[in-house]
C-alpha cells in the first residue's frame, strides 16, 4: 500500500520525520490499517531555537492511506462517517501528544481536492512556550480515492513572532496546498 506524498511540494525546509504503520480498527470481521508518512519543518524549528525559543516541532504535515480488509461493498458511503470520526479523534490525540493543550475541533466542511470531495476539519489549541502562549491551528482532511486518504498538519498561528518573523497566513495556505497536492499525487 503506497502513501501519496507530494514530494515536490515539500521542498524548502520540510524533512521526512518518520513512517508509521498501525492497525487502527479491528472488529466485526474488518481490519483497518493506516500507513502514514510524517514531515516536519526543520527550518522553522532551527530558526526559533537559534533565536532562544523552545526547541520543538512547530509545524508538521502528514499523509495516510487507510486500507480496509476485506473491503465491503459501498465502503465509501458506509464507512465515511466512521472514518471521519475516528480520524478526528486520532488527530486530536496526536496534537495532544505533541504538547498542544486545549485541543478543540471546528466544524467539518466539504472541500474539493483534485477530483474528490474531502471532509476538512480545523483544529485549535495552544502551546506553553517558556511561559508564553503560542496559538496553534491544524487541519485534517479525509477523502476517498480507491480507499480512504487522510492528510493534514498543524502550525503556529500566533505567538512565535517573539522569536522569528513568520507569516502564519502563509503557513495555512501551504498546509491546504499540501493537502491538495496529496490528492493530486494519489491520482497519478
N, C-alpha and C. Protein backbone atom coordinates (compact mmCIF):
# COMPACT_ATOMS: atom_id res chain seq x y z
N UNK A 1 0.86 -1.17 0.00
CA UNK A 1 0.00 0.00 0.00
C UNK A 1 0.91 1.23 0.00
N UNK A 2 0.73 2.09 -0.99
CA UNK A 2 1.58 3.27 -1.05
C UNK A 2 0.81 4.49 -0.53
N UNK A 3 1.55 5.32 0.18
CA UNK A 3 1.00 6.55 0.74
C UNK A 3 1.34 7.67 -0.23
N UNK A 4 0.34 8.43 -0.68
CA UNK A 4 0.64 9.53 -1.61
C UNK A 4 1.35 10.68 -0.87
N UNK A 5 2.52 11.04 -1.36
CA UNK A 5 3.29 12.13 -0.77
C UNK A 5 3.68 13.09 -1.88
N UNK A 6 3.31 14.36 -1.76
CA UNK A 6 3.65 15.35 -2.78
C UNK A 6 5.08 15.84 -2.61
N UNK A 7 6.06 14.99 -2.97
CA UNK A 7 7.47 15.27 -2.72
C UNK A 7 7.89 16.66 -3.20
N UNK A 8 7.52 17.05 -4.40
CA UNK A 8 7.97 18.35 -4.92
C UNK A 8 7.39 19.51 -4.13
N UNK A 9 6.24 19.33 -3.52
CA UNK A 9 5.63 20.40 -2.72
C UNK A 9 6.26 20.52 -1.34
N UNK A 10 7.09 19.55 -0.96
CA UNK A 10 7.70 19.54 0.37
C UNK A 10 9.12 20.09 0.37
N UNK A 11 9.51 20.78 -0.70
CA UNK A 11 10.82 21.43 -0.73
C UNK A 11 10.80 22.66 0.17
N UNK A 12 11.93 23.05 0.66
CA UNK A 12 12.00 24.30 1.42
C UNK A 12 11.84 24.13 2.92
N UNK A 13 12.66 23.31 3.53
CA UNK A 13 12.63 23.21 4.99
C UNK A 13 11.94 21.99 5.55
N UNK A 14 11.12 21.32 4.76
CA UNK A 14 10.44 20.11 5.25
C UNK A 14 11.41 18.93 5.23
N UNK A 15 11.40 18.16 6.31
CA UNK A 15 12.22 16.95 6.35
C UNK A 15 11.35 15.77 6.73
N UNK A 16 11.68 14.63 6.13
CA UNK A 16 10.95 13.40 6.45
C UNK A 16 11.26 13.03 7.90
N UNK A 17 10.24 12.90 8.73
CA UNK A 17 10.44 12.58 10.15
C UNK A 17 10.30 11.09 10.42
N UNK A 18 9.23 10.48 9.88
CA UNK A 18 9.06 9.05 10.12
C UNK A 18 7.92 8.49 9.29
N UNK A 19 7.93 7.18 9.20
CA UNK A 19 6.82 6.41 8.63
C UNK A 19 6.21 5.65 9.79
N UNK A 20 4.91 5.50 9.74
CA UNK A 20 4.22 4.77 10.81
C UNK A 20 3.20 3.85 10.17
N UNK A 21 3.14 2.63 10.67
CA UNK A 21 2.18 1.65 10.20
C UNK A 21 1.51 1.04 11.41
N UNK A 22 0.17 1.08 11.42
CA UNK A 22 -0.53 0.51 12.58
C UNK A 22 -1.95 0.13 12.21
N UNK A 23 -2.50 -0.81 12.97
CA UNK A 23 -3.89 -1.18 12.83
C UNK A 23 -4.71 -0.21 13.67
N UNK A 24 -5.64 0.49 13.03
CA UNK A 24 -6.43 1.48 13.74
C UNK A 24 -7.81 0.97 14.14
N UNK A 25 -8.23 -0.15 13.54
CA UNK A 25 -9.51 -0.74 13.92
C UNK A 25 -9.50 -2.21 13.55
N UNK A 26 -10.06 -3.01 14.43
CA UNK A 26 -10.23 -4.43 14.14
C UNK A 26 -11.47 -4.91 14.87
N UNK A 27 -12.40 -5.44 14.11
CA UNK A 27 -13.64 -5.94 14.69
C UNK A 27 -14.68 -6.19 13.63
N UNK A 28 -15.68 -6.98 13.97
CA UNK A 28 -16.78 -7.29 13.06
C UNK A 28 -16.28 -7.87 11.75
N UNK A 29 -15.13 -8.56 11.81
CA UNK A 29 -14.57 -9.19 10.62
C UNK A 29 -13.85 -8.24 9.69
N UNK A 30 -13.62 -7.00 10.13
CA UNK A 30 -12.97 -6.00 9.30
C UNK A 30 -11.73 -5.48 10.03
N UNK A 31 -10.69 -5.22 9.27
CA UNK A 31 -9.46 -4.65 9.81
C UNK A 31 -9.13 -3.38 9.01
N UNK A 32 -8.73 -2.33 9.73
CA UNK A 32 -8.33 -1.09 9.07
C UNK A 32 -6.89 -0.80 9.48
N UNK A 33 -6.03 -0.72 8.47
CA UNK A 33 -4.61 -0.46 8.71
C UNK A 33 -4.26 0.90 8.12
N UNK A 34 -3.50 1.70 8.86
CA UNK A 34 -3.07 3.02 8.40
C UNK A 34 -1.57 3.02 8.14
N UNK A 35 -1.21 3.48 6.97
CA UNK A 35 0.19 3.72 6.63
C UNK A 35 0.34 5.24 6.56
N UNK A 36 1.28 5.78 7.31
CA UNK A 36 1.42 7.23 7.44
C UNK A 36 2.85 7.67 7.21
N UNK A 37 3.01 8.80 6.54
CA UNK A 37 4.31 9.45 6.36
C UNK A 37 4.20 10.83 6.99
N UNK A 38 5.19 11.18 7.83
CA UNK A 38 5.16 12.45 8.55
C UNK A 38 6.38 13.29 8.19
N UNK A 39 6.13 14.57 7.93
CA UNK A 39 7.19 15.54 7.64
C UNK A 39 7.12 16.66 8.68
N UNK A 40 8.29 17.23 8.98
CA UNK A 40 8.37 18.34 9.93
C UNK A 40 9.13 19.49 9.29
N UNK A 41 8.82 20.70 9.72
CA UNK A 41 9.50 21.89 9.23
C UNK A 41 10.75 22.11 10.08
N UNK A 42 11.86 21.52 9.66
CA UNK A 42 13.12 21.60 10.41
C UNK A 42 13.68 23.02 10.40
N UNK A 43 13.47 23.74 9.30
CA UNK A 43 13.98 25.10 9.19
C UNK A 43 13.36 26.01 10.25
N UNK A 44 12.04 25.96 10.41
CA UNK A 44 11.38 26.80 11.42
C UNK A 44 11.84 26.41 12.82
N UNK A 45 11.94 25.13 13.08
CA UNK A 45 12.40 24.66 14.39
C UNK A 45 13.79 25.22 14.71
N UNK A 46 14.72 25.12 13.75
CA UNK A 46 16.08 25.61 13.96
C UNK A 46 16.13 27.12 14.15
N UNK A 47 15.34 27.84 13.37
CA UNK A 47 15.33 29.31 13.49
C UNK A 47 14.81 29.76 14.85
N UNK A 48 13.75 29.12 15.33
CA UNK A 48 13.19 29.50 16.64
C UNK A 48 14.16 29.14 17.75
N UNK A 49 14.74 27.96 17.69
CA UNK A 49 15.71 27.55 18.72
C UNK A 49 16.93 28.47 18.72
N UNK A 50 17.42 28.85 17.54
CA UNK A 50 18.58 29.75 17.44
C UNK A 50 18.27 31.13 18.00
N UNK A 51 17.00 31.53 17.97
CA UNK A 51 16.59 32.84 18.49
C UNK A 51 16.25 32.79 19.98
N UNK A 52 16.47 31.62 20.61
CA UNK A 52 16.22 31.49 22.05
C UNK A 52 14.88 30.91 22.41
N UNK A 53 14.11 30.49 21.43
CA UNK A 53 12.81 29.87 21.70
C UNK A 53 12.95 28.38 21.97
N UNK A 54 11.87 27.73 22.35
CA UNK A 54 11.91 26.30 22.62
C UNK A 54 12.27 25.48 21.38
N UNK A 55 13.06 24.44 21.59
CA UNK A 55 13.43 23.54 20.52
C UNK A 55 12.38 22.44 20.44
N UNK A 56 11.43 22.62 19.51
CA UNK A 56 10.34 21.67 19.36
C UNK A 56 9.84 21.70 17.91
N UNK A 57 9.05 20.74 17.55
CA UNK A 57 8.44 20.74 16.23
C UNK A 57 7.30 21.75 16.25
N UNK A 58 7.40 22.76 15.39
CA UNK A 58 6.36 23.80 15.34
C UNK A 58 5.36 23.55 14.22
N UNK A 59 5.82 22.94 13.13
CA UNK A 59 4.93 22.64 12.01
C UNK A 59 5.17 21.21 11.57
N UNK A 60 4.08 20.52 11.26
CA UNK A 60 4.21 19.19 10.69
C UNK A 60 3.11 18.96 9.67
N UNK A 61 3.37 18.00 8.80
CA UNK A 61 2.42 17.60 7.76
C UNK A 61 2.47 16.08 7.67
N UNK A 62 1.31 15.47 7.45
CA UNK A 62 1.28 14.02 7.28
C UNK A 62 0.33 13.63 6.16
N UNK A 63 0.57 12.43 5.65
CA UNK A 63 -0.30 11.83 4.65
C UNK A 63 -0.48 10.37 5.03
N UNK A 64 -1.73 9.89 4.99
CA UNK A 64 -2.03 8.50 5.36
C UNK A 64 -2.95 7.85 4.35
N UNK A 65 -2.79 6.55 4.21
CA UNK A 65 -3.73 5.75 3.44
C UNK A 65 -4.30 4.71 4.39
N UNK A 66 -5.63 4.58 4.39
CA UNK A 66 -6.30 3.58 5.22
C UNK A 66 -6.69 2.41 4.34
N UNK A 67 -6.23 1.23 4.71
CA UNK A 67 -6.57 0.02 3.97
C UNK A 67 -7.59 -0.77 4.77
N UNK A 68 -8.75 -1.00 4.17
CA UNK A 68 -9.82 -1.74 4.82
C UNK A 68 -9.84 -3.14 4.22
N UNK A 69 -9.79 -4.14 5.11
CA UNK A 69 -9.75 -5.52 4.63
C UNK A 69 -10.70 -6.39 5.46
N UNK A 70 -11.57 -7.15 4.84
CA UNK A 70 -11.88 -7.07 3.41
C UNK A 70 -12.66 -5.79 3.14
N UNK A 71 -12.57 -5.32 1.93
CA UNK A 71 -13.23 -4.08 1.55
C UNK A 71 -14.72 -4.36 1.28
N UNK A 72 -15.59 -3.90 2.18
CA UNK A 72 -17.01 -4.18 1.99
C UNK A 72 -17.60 -3.38 0.83
N UNK A 73 -18.73 -3.85 0.29
CA UNK A 73 -19.39 -3.08 -0.76
C UNK A 73 -19.82 -1.71 -0.20
N UNK A 74 -19.81 -0.72 -1.04
CA UNK A 74 -20.22 0.63 -0.66
C UNK A 74 -19.36 1.21 0.45
N UNK A 75 -18.07 0.85 0.48
CA UNK A 75 -17.17 1.31 1.55
C UNK A 75 -17.17 2.82 1.68
N UNK A 76 -17.10 3.53 0.55
CA UNK A 76 -17.04 4.99 0.61
C UNK A 76 -18.26 5.56 1.33
N UNK A 77 -19.44 5.10 0.99
CA UNK A 77 -20.68 5.63 1.58
C UNK A 77 -20.87 5.18 3.02
N UNK A 78 -20.71 3.90 3.25
CA UNK A 78 -20.98 3.34 4.58
C UNK A 78 -19.86 3.68 5.57
N UNK A 79 -18.62 3.64 5.12
CA UNK A 79 -17.50 3.82 6.03
C UNK A 79 -17.08 5.25 6.27
N UNK A 80 -17.49 6.17 5.41
CA UNK A 80 -17.02 7.55 5.52
C UNK A 80 -17.31 8.19 6.87
N UNK A 81 -18.55 8.15 7.40
CA UNK A 81 -18.79 8.81 8.69
C UNK A 81 -17.90 8.24 9.80
N UNK A 82 -17.72 6.92 9.81
CA UNK A 82 -16.87 6.31 10.83
C UNK A 82 -15.41 6.73 10.63
N UNK A 83 -14.94 6.73 9.39
CA UNK A 83 -13.56 7.11 9.11
C UNK A 83 -13.30 8.56 9.49
N UNK A 84 -14.25 9.45 9.22
CA UNK A 84 -14.09 10.86 9.60
C UNK A 84 -14.02 10.99 11.12
N UNK A 85 -14.95 10.36 11.82
CA UNK A 85 -14.99 10.44 13.29
C UNK A 85 -13.69 9.91 13.90
N UNK A 86 -13.26 8.73 13.47
CA UNK A 86 -12.04 8.13 14.04
C UNK A 86 -10.80 8.95 13.69
N UNK A 87 -10.73 9.46 12.48
CA UNK A 87 -9.58 10.27 12.08
C UNK A 87 -9.49 11.55 12.91
N UNK A 88 -10.63 12.16 13.17
CA UNK A 88 -10.65 13.37 14.00
C UNK A 88 -10.17 13.06 15.41
N UNK A 89 -10.61 11.94 15.98
CA UNK A 89 -10.17 11.56 17.33
C UNK A 89 -8.67 11.27 17.35
N UNK A 90 -8.18 10.55 16.34
CA UNK A 90 -6.75 10.24 16.27
C UNK A 90 -5.91 11.51 16.11
N UNK A 91 -6.37 12.44 15.28
CA UNK A 91 -5.62 13.66 15.05
C UNK A 91 -5.57 14.51 16.33
N UNK A 92 -6.69 14.61 17.03
CA UNK A 92 -6.71 15.36 18.29
C UNK A 92 -5.74 14.73 19.29
N UNK A 93 -5.70 13.41 19.34
CA UNK A 93 -4.77 12.72 20.25
C UNK A 93 -3.32 12.99 19.83
N UNK A 94 -3.05 13.02 18.53
CA UNK A 94 -1.70 13.33 18.04
C UNK A 94 -1.29 14.74 18.43
N UNK A 95 -2.21 15.69 18.30
CA UNK A 95 -1.89 17.07 18.70
C UNK A 95 -1.56 17.13 20.19
N UNK A 96 -2.37 16.47 21.01
CA UNK A 96 -2.09 16.46 22.46
C UNK A 96 -0.74 15.79 22.75
N UNK A 97 -0.42 14.71 22.04
CA UNK A 97 0.87 14.03 22.24
C UNK A 97 2.04 14.94 21.86
N UNK A 98 1.80 15.91 21.00
CA UNK A 98 2.83 16.87 20.61
C UNK A 98 2.89 18.07 21.54
N UNK A 99 2.18 18.01 22.66
CA UNK A 99 2.24 19.07 23.65
C UNK A 99 1.28 20.21 23.42
N UNK A 100 0.32 20.03 22.56
CA UNK A 100 -0.67 21.07 22.29
C UNK A 100 -1.82 20.88 23.27
N UNK A 101 -2.15 21.95 23.97
CA UNK A 101 -3.17 21.90 25.02
C UNK A 101 -4.47 22.51 24.53
N UNK A 102 -5.56 22.15 25.20
CA UNK A 102 -6.87 22.73 24.88
C UNK A 102 -7.30 22.45 23.47
N UNK A 103 -7.00 21.27 22.96
CA UNK A 103 -7.32 20.93 21.56
C UNK A 103 -8.83 20.87 21.37
N UNK A 104 -9.31 21.59 20.37
CA UNK A 104 -10.73 21.54 20.01
C UNK A 104 -10.85 21.51 18.49
N UNK A 105 -11.92 20.91 18.03
CA UNK A 105 -12.18 20.81 16.59
C UNK A 105 -13.26 21.80 16.19
N UNK A 106 -13.09 22.40 15.03
CA UNK A 106 -14.10 23.27 14.48
C UNK A 106 -15.09 22.47 13.65
N UNK A 107 -15.94 23.15 12.94
CA UNK A 107 -16.94 22.49 12.11
C UNK A 107 -16.31 21.88 10.87
N UNK A 108 -16.70 20.66 10.57
CA UNK A 108 -16.23 19.97 9.37
C UNK A 108 -17.02 20.48 8.18
N UNK A 109 -16.28 20.76 7.10
CA UNK A 109 -16.93 21.22 5.88
C UNK A 109 -16.38 20.44 4.70
N UNK A 110 -17.06 20.50 3.62
CA UNK A 110 -16.66 19.78 2.42
C UNK A 110 -15.84 20.72 1.53
N UNK A 111 -14.69 20.23 1.06
CA UNK A 111 -13.85 20.99 0.14
C UNK A 111 -13.43 20.08 -1.00
N UNK A 112 -13.13 20.68 -2.12
CA UNK A 112 -12.70 19.93 -3.30
C UNK A 112 -11.18 19.75 -3.25
N UNK A 113 -10.73 18.50 -3.39
CA UNK A 113 -9.31 18.20 -3.52
C UNK A 113 -9.17 17.30 -4.74
N UNK A 114 -8.48 17.81 -5.75
CA UNK A 114 -8.36 17.10 -7.03
C UNK A 114 -9.77 16.75 -7.51
N UNK A 115 -10.04 15.46 -7.75
CA UNK A 115 -11.36 15.05 -8.24
C UNK A 115 -12.26 14.51 -7.14
N UNK A 116 -11.95 14.79 -5.89
CA UNK A 116 -12.71 14.22 -4.77
C UNK A 116 -13.23 15.31 -3.85
N UNK A 117 -14.24 14.97 -3.08
CA UNK A 117 -14.75 15.84 -2.04
C UNK A 117 -14.16 15.37 -0.71
N UNK A 118 -13.50 16.26 -0.02
CA UNK A 118 -12.87 15.92 1.26
C UNK A 118 -13.65 16.55 2.40
N UNK A 119 -13.67 15.84 3.53
CA UNK A 119 -14.19 16.39 4.77
C UNK A 119 -13.01 17.08 5.45
N UNK A 120 -13.07 18.40 5.58
CA UNK A 120 -11.97 19.19 6.16
C UNK A 120 -12.40 19.74 7.51
N UNK A 121 -11.60 19.43 8.54
CA UNK A 121 -11.89 19.88 9.89
C UNK A 121 -10.73 20.70 10.42
N UNK A 122 -10.99 21.94 10.88
CA UNK A 122 -9.93 22.72 11.52
C UNK A 122 -9.80 22.31 13.00
N UNK A 123 -8.61 22.46 13.53
CA UNK A 123 -8.34 22.19 14.95
C UNK A 123 -7.62 23.39 15.54
N UNK A 124 -7.83 23.61 16.84
CA UNK A 124 -7.23 24.74 17.53
C UNK A 124 -6.67 24.29 18.87
N UNK A 125 -5.60 24.95 19.30
CA UNK A 125 -5.02 24.65 20.60
C UNK A 125 -3.94 25.67 20.91
N UNK A 126 -3.24 25.42 22.00
CA UNK A 126 -2.15 26.31 22.41
C UNK A 126 -0.97 25.48 22.90
N UNK A 127 0.20 26.12 22.86
CA UNK A 127 1.41 25.54 23.40
C UNK A 127 1.97 26.52 24.42
N UNK A 128 2.33 26.02 25.60
CA UNK A 128 3.02 26.85 26.58
C UNK A 128 4.50 26.81 26.22
N UNK A 129 5.02 27.92 25.74
CA UNK A 129 6.40 28.01 25.29
C UNK A 129 7.18 28.92 26.22
N UNK A 130 7.81 28.32 27.22
CA UNK A 130 8.59 29.09 28.20
C UNK A 130 7.78 30.21 28.83
N UNK A 131 6.55 29.90 29.25
CA UNK A 131 5.70 30.86 29.92
C UNK A 131 4.87 31.72 29.00
N UNK A 132 5.09 31.64 27.71
CA UNK A 132 4.30 32.40 26.75
C UNK A 132 3.39 31.44 26.01
N UNK A 133 2.24 31.93 25.61
CA UNK A 133 1.28 31.10 24.88
C UNK A 133 1.44 31.27 23.39
N UNK A 134 1.52 30.14 22.69
CA UNK A 134 1.56 30.15 21.23
C UNK A 134 0.28 29.46 20.76
N UNK A 135 -0.49 30.14 19.93
CA UNK A 135 -1.70 29.55 19.36
C UNK A 135 -1.31 28.63 18.20
N UNK A 136 -2.00 27.50 18.11
CA UNK A 136 -1.72 26.51 17.07
C UNK A 136 -3.02 26.20 16.34
N UNK A 137 -2.92 26.11 15.03
CA UNK A 137 -4.06 25.73 14.19
C UNK A 137 -3.65 24.50 13.39
N UNK A 138 -4.58 23.59 13.25
CA UNK A 138 -4.35 22.40 12.45
C UNK A 138 -5.49 22.18 11.48
N UNK A 139 -5.29 21.28 10.56
CA UNK A 139 -6.34 20.93 9.61
C UNK A 139 -6.21 19.44 9.30
N UNK A 140 -7.34 18.79 9.18
CA UNK A 140 -7.40 17.36 8.86
C UNK A 140 -8.38 17.19 7.71
N UNK A 141 -7.94 16.51 6.66
CA UNK A 141 -8.81 16.25 5.51
C UNK A 141 -8.88 14.76 5.26
N UNK A 142 -10.07 14.27 4.95
CA UNK A 142 -10.28 12.86 4.61
C UNK A 142 -11.11 12.79 3.35
N UNK A 143 -10.68 11.95 2.40
CA UNK A 143 -11.44 11.76 1.17
C UNK A 143 -11.24 10.33 0.70
N UNK A 144 -12.01 9.96 -0.33
CA UNK A 144 -11.97 8.61 -0.87
C UNK A 144 -11.37 8.64 -2.25
N UNK A 145 -10.30 7.87 -2.43
CA UNK A 145 -9.64 7.73 -3.72
C UNK A 145 -9.08 6.32 -3.76
N UNK A 146 -9.92 5.36 -4.18
CA UNK A 146 -9.51 3.95 -4.15
C UNK A 146 -9.11 3.56 -2.73
N UNK A 147 -9.92 3.94 -1.78
CA UNK A 147 -9.66 3.77 -0.35
C UNK A 147 -9.64 5.14 0.30
N UNK A 148 -9.65 5.16 1.61
CA UNK A 148 -9.66 6.44 2.31
C UNK A 148 -8.25 7.00 2.41
N UNK A 149 -8.13 8.29 2.15
CA UNK A 149 -6.87 9.02 2.30
C UNK A 149 -7.09 10.12 3.33
N UNK A 150 -6.07 10.36 4.12
CA UNK A 150 -6.14 11.39 5.15
C UNK A 150 -4.85 12.20 5.07
N UNK A 151 -4.97 13.51 5.15
CA UNK A 151 -3.79 14.38 5.16
C UNK A 151 -4.08 15.57 6.06
N UNK A 152 -3.03 16.13 6.61
CA UNK A 152 -3.21 17.30 7.46
C UNK A 152 -1.93 17.70 8.13
N UNK A 153 -2.07 18.54 9.12
CA UNK A 153 -0.92 19.03 9.86
C UNK A 153 -1.30 20.16 10.76
N UNK A 154 -0.29 20.82 11.32
CA UNK A 154 -0.53 21.93 12.23
C UNK A 154 0.62 22.93 12.14
N UNK A 155 0.35 24.15 12.58
CA UNK A 155 1.33 25.23 12.50
C UNK A 155 1.00 26.28 13.57
N UNK A 156 1.99 27.10 13.97
CA UNK A 156 1.72 28.17 14.92
C UNK A 156 1.00 29.31 14.21
N UNK A 157 -0.11 29.76 14.78
CA UNK A 157 -0.85 30.84 14.14
C UNK A 157 -0.60 32.19 14.80
N UNK A 158 -0.08 32.17 16.01
CA UNK A 158 0.21 33.42 16.71
C UNK A 158 1.12 33.13 17.90
N UNK A 159 2.13 33.94 18.10
CA UNK A 159 2.95 33.82 19.29
C UNK A 159 4.41 33.51 19.04
N UNK A 160 4.79 32.99 17.87
CA UNK A 160 6.20 32.71 17.63
C UNK A 160 6.93 33.94 17.09
N UNK A 161 6.19 35.01 16.83
CA UNK A 161 6.79 36.24 16.30
C UNK A 161 7.79 36.84 17.29
N UNK A 162 7.73 36.45 18.56
CA UNK A 162 8.69 36.96 19.54
C UNK A 162 10.09 36.43 19.25
N UNK A 163 10.19 35.33 18.47
CA UNK A 163 11.49 34.75 18.15
C UNK A 163 11.88 34.94 16.69
N UNK A 164 10.92 34.79 15.79
CA UNK A 164 11.23 34.88 14.36
C UNK A 164 10.10 35.59 13.64
N UNK A 165 10.43 36.14 12.50
CA UNK A 165 9.44 36.80 11.64
C UNK A 165 8.82 35.72 10.75
N UNK A 166 7.54 35.46 10.95
CA UNK A 166 6.85 34.44 10.16
C UNK A 166 5.52 35.00 9.67
N UNK A 167 4.93 34.29 8.74
CA UNK A 167 3.63 34.68 8.19
C UNK A 167 2.66 33.51 8.38
N UNK A 168 1.94 33.47 9.52
CA UNK A 168 1.01 32.35 9.76
C UNK A 168 0.00 32.15 8.64
N UNK A 169 -0.41 33.21 7.96
CA UNK A 169 -1.34 33.04 6.83
C UNK A 169 -0.69 32.20 5.74
N UNK A 170 0.61 32.38 5.55
CA UNK A 170 1.33 31.58 4.55
C UNK A 170 1.39 30.12 4.99
N UNK A 171 1.51 29.88 6.31
CA UNK A 171 1.51 28.51 6.82
C UNK A 171 0.18 27.83 6.49
N UNK A 172 -0.92 28.54 6.69
CA UNK A 172 -2.24 27.98 6.39
C UNK A 172 -2.36 27.66 4.90
N UNK A 173 -1.97 28.61 4.07
CA UNK A 173 -2.04 28.42 2.62
C UNK A 173 -1.20 27.22 2.20
N UNK A 174 0.01 27.09 2.78
CA UNK A 174 0.87 25.98 2.41
C UNK A 174 0.29 24.64 2.85
N UNK A 175 -0.29 24.58 4.06
CA UNK A 175 -0.88 23.33 4.53
C UNK A 175 -2.02 22.90 3.61
N UNK A 176 -2.89 23.82 3.26
CA UNK A 176 -4.00 23.47 2.36
C UNK A 176 -3.49 23.07 0.97
N UNK A 177 -2.42 23.71 0.52
CA UNK A 177 -1.81 23.33 -0.76
C UNK A 177 -1.21 21.93 -0.70
N UNK A 178 -0.58 21.59 0.43
CA UNK A 178 -0.02 20.25 0.60
C UNK A 178 -1.12 19.19 0.59
N UNK A 179 -2.25 19.50 1.22
CA UNK A 179 -3.38 18.56 1.23
C UNK A 179 -3.87 18.34 -0.20
N UNK A 180 -4.05 19.43 -0.95
CA UNK A 180 -4.49 19.31 -2.34
C UNK A 180 -3.46 18.57 -3.20
N UNK A 181 -2.18 18.85 -2.98
CA UNK A 181 -1.12 18.17 -3.74
C UNK A 181 -1.11 16.67 -3.42
N UNK A 182 -1.44 16.33 -2.19
CA UNK A 182 -1.53 14.91 -1.81
C UNK A 182 -2.63 14.23 -2.62
N UNK A 183 -3.77 14.90 -2.74
CA UNK A 183 -4.88 14.35 -3.51
C UNK A 183 -4.49 14.18 -4.98
N UNK A 184 -3.78 15.16 -5.52
CA UNK A 184 -3.35 15.06 -6.91
C UNK A 184 -2.34 13.93 -7.09
N UNK A 185 -1.44 13.76 -6.13
CA UNK A 185 -0.44 12.70 -6.19
C UNK A 185 -1.13 11.32 -6.14
N UNK A 186 -2.20 11.23 -5.36
CA UNK A 186 -2.92 9.95 -5.23
C UNK A 186 -3.55 9.52 -6.56
N UNK A 187 -3.83 10.46 -7.41
CA UNK A 187 -4.47 10.14 -8.69
C UNK A 187 -3.49 9.69 -9.75
N UNK A 188 -2.22 9.88 -9.53
CA UNK A 188 -1.23 9.50 -10.55
C UNK A 188 -0.78 8.07 -10.39
